[in-house]
Each structure stands twice: as structure tokens, then as C-alpha cells.
Protein backbone atom coordinates (compact mmCIF):
# COMPACT_ATOMS: atom_id res chain seq x y z
CA MET A 1 -33.74 -10.78 -19.40
CA TYR A 2 -36.59 -10.69 -16.90
CA ARG A 3 -36.44 -12.95 -13.88
CA VAL A 4 -39.39 -15.30 -13.48
CA ARG A 5 -40.75 -15.63 -9.94
CA LYS A 6 -43.52 -18.10 -10.76
CA ASN A 7 -44.87 -19.93 -13.79
CA GLU A 8 -47.36 -22.51 -12.63
CA CYS A 9 -50.51 -24.22 -13.85
CA ILE A 10 -53.59 -22.95 -11.98
CA GLY A 11 -56.31 -24.55 -14.13
CA LYS A 12 -56.72 -26.73 -17.18
CA ASP A 13 -54.14 -25.30 -19.61
CA VAL A 14 -54.18 -22.01 -17.66
CA TYR A 15 -50.99 -20.61 -16.12
CA LEU A 16 -50.03 -17.84 -13.70
CA LEU A 17 -46.79 -16.09 -14.63
CA GLU A 18 -45.06 -13.71 -12.21
CA VAL A 19 -42.03 -11.83 -13.49
CA GLU A 20 -39.79 -9.02 -12.26
CA ALA A 21 -40.51 -6.04 -14.52
CA PRO A 22 -40.17 -2.87 -12.40
CA LEU A 23 -40.23 -0.40 -15.30
CA VAL A 24 -43.44 -1.91 -16.66
CA VAL A 25 -45.08 -2.08 -13.25
CA LYS A 26 -44.16 1.52 -12.48
CA LYS A 27 -46.45 2.83 -15.21
CA CYS A 28 -49.05 0.15 -15.96
CA LEU A 29 -52.76 0.60 -15.30
CA PRO A 30 -55.76 -1.76 -15.46
CA GLY A 31 -56.83 -2.43 -19.03
CA GLN A 32 -53.34 -2.34 -20.54
CA PHE A 33 -51.29 -5.24 -21.88
CA VAL A 34 -47.68 -6.32 -22.38
CA ILE A 35 -45.88 -8.35 -25.02
CA VAL A 36 -43.72 -11.21 -23.80
CA MET A 37 -41.17 -13.39 -25.56
CA ALA A 38 -40.00 -16.60 -23.91
CA TYR A 39 -36.71 -16.70 -25.86
CA GLU A 40 -34.99 -14.51 -28.42
CA SER A 41 -36.32 -16.71 -31.23
CA SER A 42 -39.88 -16.86 -29.82
CA GLU A 43 -43.05 -15.36 -31.20
CA ARG A 44 -44.42 -12.23 -29.56
CA ILE A 45 -47.36 -12.92 -27.23
CA PRO A 46 -49.65 -10.05 -26.12
CA LEU A 47 -51.05 -10.66 -22.63
CA THR A 48 -53.35 -8.38 -20.68
CA ILE A 49 -52.16 -7.45 -17.20
CA TYR A 50 -53.66 -9.46 -14.35
CA ASP A 51 -52.01 -7.78 -11.36
CA TYR A 52 -48.99 -5.74 -10.36
CA ASP A 53 -46.95 -5.01 -7.23
CA ARG A 54 -45.33 -1.60 -7.64
CA GLU A 55 -43.36 -1.86 -4.40
CA ASN A 56 -41.57 -5.04 -5.45
CA GLY A 57 -41.74 -4.55 -9.21
CA ILE A 58 -43.65 -7.78 -9.82
CA LEU A 59 -45.90 -8.15 -12.85
CA SER A 60 -48.52 -10.93 -12.84
CA LEU A 61 -50.00 -12.41 -16.01
CA ILE A 62 -52.46 -15.22 -16.71
CA TYR A 63 -52.32 -17.07 -20.00
CA GLN A 64 -53.96 -20.08 -21.60
CA VAL A 65 -52.11 -22.64 -23.72
CA ILE A 66 -53.69 -22.45 -27.17
CA GLY A 67 -50.73 -22.97 -29.51
CA ALA A 68 -47.02 -23.55 -29.88
CA SER A 69 -45.99 -20.12 -28.55
CA THR A 70 -47.94 -20.37 -25.31
CA MET A 71 -46.84 -24.00 -24.93
CA GLU A 72 -43.25 -22.80 -25.18
CA LEU A 73 -43.98 -20.17 -22.53
CA THR A 74 -44.92 -22.89 -20.03
CA GLU A 75 -41.35 -24.23 -20.22
CA VAL A 76 -39.77 -21.02 -18.91
CA THR A 77 -38.55 -21.33 -15.32
CA ASP A 78 -35.75 -18.80 -14.84
CA SER A 79 -36.20 -15.77 -17.07
CA LEU A 80 -38.08 -14.31 -20.03
CA PHE A 81 -36.20 -12.83 -22.97
CA SER A 82 -38.52 -9.81 -23.20
CA VAL A 83 -41.42 -8.05 -21.48
CA ALA A 84 -42.49 -4.93 -23.40
CA GLY A 85 -45.06 -2.47 -22.14
CA PRO A 86 -47.31 -1.24 -20.82
CA LEU A 87 -49.13 -1.00 -24.14
CA GLY A 88 -52.65 -0.03 -25.11
CA ASN A 89 -54.91 2.41 -23.33
CA PRO A 90 -56.04 2.01 -19.71
CA SER A 91 -59.71 1.34 -19.06
CA GLU A 92 -61.80 4.49 -19.41
CA LEU A 93 -63.27 3.77 -15.97
CA MET A 94 -59.92 4.35 -14.27
CA GLU A 95 -59.56 7.72 -12.53
CA ASN A 96 -63.08 8.63 -13.63
CA ASP A 97 -64.89 10.33 -10.75
CA ASP A 98 -68.20 10.21 -12.62
CA ILE A 99 -68.53 6.47 -11.91
CA LEU A 100 -68.04 6.63 -8.15
CA ASP A 101 -71.79 6.44 -7.48
CA LYS A 102 -72.53 3.98 -10.29
CA LYS A 103 -73.22 0.24 -10.26
CA ILE A 104 -70.89 -1.65 -12.57
CA LEU A 105 -71.18 -5.20 -13.86
CA PHE A 106 -68.13 -7.03 -15.18
CA VAL A 107 -68.73 -10.07 -17.37
CA ALA A 108 -65.72 -12.34 -17.78
CA GLY A 109 -65.44 -15.35 -20.05
CA GLY A 110 -62.67 -17.92 -19.50
CA VAL A 111 -59.27 -16.26 -19.02
CA GLY A 112 -61.05 -12.93 -19.53
CA ILE A 113 -61.19 -12.94 -15.74
CA ALA A 114 -57.51 -11.93 -15.76
CA PRO A 115 -58.02 -8.38 -17.16
CA VAL A 116 -61.31 -8.05 -15.27
CA TYR A 117 -59.59 -8.58 -11.92
CA PRO A 118 -57.36 -5.44 -11.83
CA GLN A 119 -60.19 -3.19 -13.00
CA ALA A 120 -62.58 -4.54 -10.37
CA LYS A 121 -59.84 -4.29 -7.73
CA TYR A 122 -59.14 -0.66 -8.58
CA LEU A 123 -62.80 0.38 -8.69
CA THR A 124 -63.67 -1.44 -5.47
CA SER A 125 -60.78 0.32 -3.75
CA ARG A 126 -62.48 3.61 -4.71
CA GLY A 127 -65.79 2.50 -3.24
CA VAL A 128 -67.55 1.70 -6.52
CA ASP A 129 -70.32 -0.91 -6.40
CA VAL A 130 -68.97 -3.82 -8.48
CA ASP A 131 -70.49 -7.21 -9.37
CA ILE A 132 -68.83 -9.87 -11.53
CA ILE A 133 -70.28 -12.66 -13.65
CA TYR A 134 -67.61 -15.23 -14.46
CA GLY A 135 -68.42 -17.82 -17.11
CA ALA A 136 -66.46 -20.82 -18.37
CA ARG A 137 -67.10 -24.00 -20.29
CA THR A 138 -66.39 -26.20 -17.29
CA LYS A 139 -65.13 -26.10 -13.69
CA ASP A 140 -61.57 -27.02 -14.70
CA ILE A 141 -61.06 -23.61 -16.31
CA ILE A 142 -62.25 -21.55 -13.32
CA VAL A 143 -59.24 -19.75 -11.78
CA ILE A 144 -58.51 -17.03 -9.17
CA GLU A 145 -61.98 -17.46 -7.68
CA GLU A 146 -61.02 -16.54 -4.11
CA GLU A 147 -58.95 -13.57 -5.25
CA THR A 148 -61.84 -12.30 -7.37
CA LYS A 149 -64.34 -12.56 -4.51
CA LYS A 150 -62.23 -10.02 -2.59
CA VAL A 151 -62.51 -7.32 -5.27
CA CYS A 152 -66.28 -7.22 -5.79
CA ASN A 153 -69.56 -7.20 -3.92
CA ASN A 154 -70.92 -10.30 -5.63
CA LEU A 155 -69.30 -12.98 -7.78
CA TYR A 156 -71.64 -15.11 -9.89
CA ILE A 157 -70.05 -18.16 -11.52
CA THR A 158 -71.65 -20.01 -14.40
CA THR A 159 -70.47 -23.00 -16.43
CA ASP A 160 -71.81 -24.27 -19.73
CA ASP A 161 -71.94 -27.86 -18.50
CA GLY A 162 -73.21 -27.06 -15.00
CA SER A 163 -70.13 -28.63 -13.38
CA TYR A 164 -69.77 -25.60 -11.09
CA GLY A 165 -71.89 -22.64 -10.08
CA ASN A 166 -74.95 -21.95 -12.21
CA GLN A 167 -75.53 -23.85 -15.43
CA GLY A 168 -75.71 -21.79 -18.60
CA ASN A 169 -73.86 -18.93 -20.24
CA VAL A 170 -73.16 -15.43 -18.96
CA THR A 171 -76.17 -13.82 -20.64
CA ASP A 172 -78.41 -16.44 -19.00
CA MET A 173 -76.94 -15.31 -15.68
CA MET A 174 -77.50 -11.64 -16.51
CA LYS A 175 -81.18 -12.32 -17.19
CA LYS A 176 -81.51 -14.37 -14.03
CA LEU A 177 -80.05 -11.59 -11.85
CA ASP A 178 -82.52 -9.01 -13.11
CA LYS A 179 -80.45 -6.23 -11.49
CA LYS A 180 -79.93 -2.70 -12.74
CA TYR A 181 -76.44 -1.52 -13.66
CA ASP A 182 -75.07 1.73 -15.04
CA TYR A 183 -72.10 0.19 -16.86
CA CYS A 184 -71.18 -3.24 -18.16
CA VAL A 185 -67.62 -4.30 -19.00
CA ALA A 186 -67.35 -7.57 -20.95
CA ILE A 187 -64.03 -9.35 -21.53
CA GLY A 188 -63.72 -12.80 -23.01
CA PRO A 189 -64.30 -14.67 -26.29
CA VAL A 190 -65.52 -12.42 -29.10
CA ILE A 191 -68.76 -14.37 -29.54
CA MET A 192 -69.50 -13.96 -25.82
CA MET A 193 -68.90 -10.21 -25.94
CA LYS A 194 -71.18 -9.96 -28.98
CA PHE A 195 -74.16 -11.46 -27.17
CA VAL A 196 -73.51 -9.52 -23.96
CA ALA A 197 -73.46 -6.29 -25.99
CA LEU A 198 -76.66 -7.23 -27.81
CA TYR A 199 -78.43 -7.83 -24.51
CA THR A 200 -77.14 -4.69 -22.78
CA LYS A 201 -78.16 -2.64 -25.81
CA GLU A 202 -81.73 -3.81 -25.27
CA LEU A 203 -81.46 -2.66 -21.66
CA GLY A 204 -79.78 0.63 -22.48
CA ILE A 205 -76.65 -0.13 -20.41
CA LYS A 206 -73.41 1.51 -21.58
CA THR A 207 -71.06 -1.34 -22.43
CA ILE A 208 -67.31 -1.59 -22.82
CA VAL A 209 -65.63 -4.58 -24.45
CA SER A 210 -61.96 -5.52 -24.67
CA MET A 211 -60.89 -6.77 -28.08
CA ASN A 212 -57.60 -8.18 -26.83
CA PRO A 213 -58.57 -11.74 -27.94
CA ILE A 214 -58.00 -10.80 -31.59
CA MET A 215 -54.51 -9.35 -31.06
CA VAL A 216 -51.50 -11.22 -32.44
CA ASP A 217 -48.49 -8.93 -32.85
CA GLY A 218 -49.60 -6.23 -30.43
CA THR A 219 -48.05 -3.29 -32.30
CA GLY A 220 -50.34 -2.75 -35.29
CA MET A 221 -47.97 -4.30 -37.82
CA CYS A 222 -49.67 -7.63 -38.48
CA GLY A 223 -53.18 -6.36 -39.16
CA ALA A 224 -54.79 -9.16 -37.15
CA CYS A 225 -56.74 -6.91 -34.80
CA ARG A 226 -58.25 -4.64 -37.44
CA LEU A 227 -61.93 -4.08 -36.71
CA LEU A 228 -64.78 -1.72 -37.46
CA VAL A 229 -66.07 0.52 -34.68
CA ASP A 230 -68.97 2.76 -35.60
CA GLY A 231 -68.07 2.11 -39.23
CA LYS A 232 -64.46 3.29 -38.81
CA VAL A 233 -61.31 1.17 -39.01
CA LYS A 234 -59.65 0.69 -35.63
CA PHE A 235 -56.95 -1.60 -34.26
CA ALA A 236 -57.31 -3.25 -30.86
CA CYS A 237 -53.62 -2.98 -30.01
CA VAL A 238 -53.17 0.66 -31.06
CA ASP A 239 -56.58 2.25 -30.49
CA GLY A 240 -57.84 -0.04 -27.72
CA PRO A 241 -57.97 -2.65 -26.48
CA GLU A 242 -61.31 -1.39 -25.10
CA PHE A 243 -64.15 0.00 -27.21
CA ASP A 244 -67.83 0.85 -27.00
CA GLY A 245 -69.46 -2.56 -27.23
CA HIS A 246 -72.52 -1.17 -28.99
CA LYS A 247 -70.40 0.24 -31.82
CA VAL A 248 -68.15 -2.76 -32.53
CA ASP A 249 -69.02 -4.75 -35.64
CA PHE A 250 -68.71 -8.21 -34.06
CA ASP A 251 -69.90 -10.08 -37.15
CA ASN A 252 -67.15 -8.50 -39.21
CA ALA A 253 -64.59 -9.31 -36.51
CA LEU A 254 -65.67 -12.95 -36.26
CA LYS A 255 -65.62 -13.41 -40.03
CA ARG A 256 -62.23 -11.75 -40.29
CA MET A 257 -60.77 -13.89 -37.50
CA SER A 258 -61.74 -17.01 -39.43
CA ILE A 259 -60.16 -15.76 -42.66
CA TYR A 260 -56.98 -14.61 -40.89
CA LYS A 261 -56.19 -18.13 -39.64
CA THR A 262 -54.68 -19.23 -42.97
CA GLU A 263 -51.76 -17.76 -44.90
CA GLU A 264 -53.93 -17.49 -47.99
CA GLY A 265 -56.57 -15.70 -45.94
CA ARG A 266 -54.06 -13.20 -44.59
CA LYS A 267 -52.85 -12.41 -48.10
CA LYS A 268 -56.43 -11.94 -49.26
CA LEU A 269 -57.16 -9.51 -46.41
CA MET A 270 -53.97 -7.56 -47.11
CA MET A 271 -54.94 -7.16 -50.77
CA GLU A 272 -58.50 -6.13 -49.96
CA GLU A 273 -57.65 -3.70 -47.17
CA GLY A 274 -54.60 -2.05 -48.70
CA SER A 275 -53.22 0.81 -46.63
CA THR A 276 -55.78 0.20 -43.88
CA HIS A 277 -54.53 -3.35 -43.23
CA HIS A 278 -51.97 -2.19 -40.66
CA GLY A 279 -52.40 0.17 -37.73
CA GLY A 280 -49.88 2.81 -36.72
CA CYS A 281 -46.84 0.86 -37.94
CA GLY A 282 -45.49 3.68 -40.10
CA ASN A 283 -45.11 1.38 -43.12
CA CYS A 284 -48.36 2.16 -44.85
CA GLY A 285 -50.87 4.96 -45.20
CA ASP A 286 -53.26 6.37 -42.67
CA LYS A 287 -55.26 3.89 -40.59
């Protein structure tokens, strides 16, 4: 059992969860994720790491209520049954001296600000020039604004309905800034990352995207996060969660996400994909 320090609502259907997980915190790095279970009978929920306090062994996570499992998670007040991790690969920008003199733009959509925060915090601490564009549908979903301002040079907020910050989407904001960057890191809804990557490809900006939104099981066994990267089969939870945004087949991912939502769709995908349906689970052939 993992003691819960805090589990509170910080935005519309958005929660901040702080839990004592010293073994996870000892080894985790920005870009990685954990799998939590509220109770022994609960579904596994993969959540990217928002922050961590190595000295006190505190792991911080931000999650959005989108179904029964995350709704159940909001009820936890004392302890979690399980916190497994860290899982996935750290961001390629971590401990990379080649980016110290570069200008980096992070683009966060909705709760995508959670995994953006630790990366920006780490890079800023190394003296890297970091800007962040943070987009959401409406003001009610904007969270950790003040915390984010402290880990970047400039924070640009945009909302679809214009209820806060600039009106429009994140790519509108990118065009409005008209600034030059060496790297772009986009984390948020898949459709958002698709259009950010399309725009940065026009500009010739190396772009990294995190495909954590399509993860379900988090271990490669369910096949939910199967995607095509440069024409090759990859799995967000095993091979990622971050990939070259200009090589990800977003159209395939979006179509597959829609099919995967139904039991019949999952069976269809399993039949079509055969031994490539799972990733690194040891129960089928090569990925």
C-alpha cells in the first residue's frame, strides 16, 4: 500500500495526487510514467509523472476524470493499492548536453501540461531557453499555471473559447509568436500533436511527441498503444512514450483509437495484427 498525501481537485475534473513512493521517486526521470491501482480490484491506470521529491520520497501525479477507473481514483484518501514504475523511457532531452544552447518550445494540451512541467523544470535548471504554449478548451481546465511560470522563460496560454489567455488553438499561438526554436516537444491530445507536428515540419523544427494518451495497460499486453513510426510497429508504453513527431502516423493512430473503443473493434484489430498486436509481453511473436 502507498500512503496518499493529497488527492484534490485542482480544475474541472482534474486532480492532483501526491503519494509516498520512495523507490519510484529514487529512479524516475522526466518523460516516464507509472501505473497506479486504487484498489486490488481496480483497473490499471498509466499516468505520466508530474513532479517528484527525492528527499521525501513523494511522487506527484495529475489526472483527469474520463471514465470509471479515474472516477474511482478520486475516492482514494488514505492509500493506493499499487504504484508501479518508473516505466517508459525518459525524454531524450534529459542529460543531453547538445541542447544547452538551444531554444526549446513545449506545447501542452489540457492535462498534457503535467508531463511538460518536469521536463521544462529540468531543462530550465540547466540553463536551457524554454518557452511553453499551454492550450485548453476553456479556463476551467487550466491548472498549475503559477508553477509552470517558474520553470520557463515565457508561458503563453490559449483557450478555444477565449475564456482565458489568447483565443484559439496552440498552432494559432505558434504562428502568432513567429519565434525561432530548435526543438519542439508536444504533449496532449493526439489530434493536437498531429497538427503541431505538421506545422513544425513545414518550419523544419525537430519535434518530439508523447503518445501516452493512447496507453491503456501500460505494459504492452493490451495492444492499445500500437502505432506506426516511420512505417515500423512501435508501442508507446514499451518503446516510448516519446517519438519523433514527424515520423508518427497520426492518421493511423486516430483511426485505430476509434476502432479500439469497442470490444468488437479490439477483436478485429487482434485478428488483423496477429503477432504484432502486443508489444514486449512475451506471449506472442516479435513486435
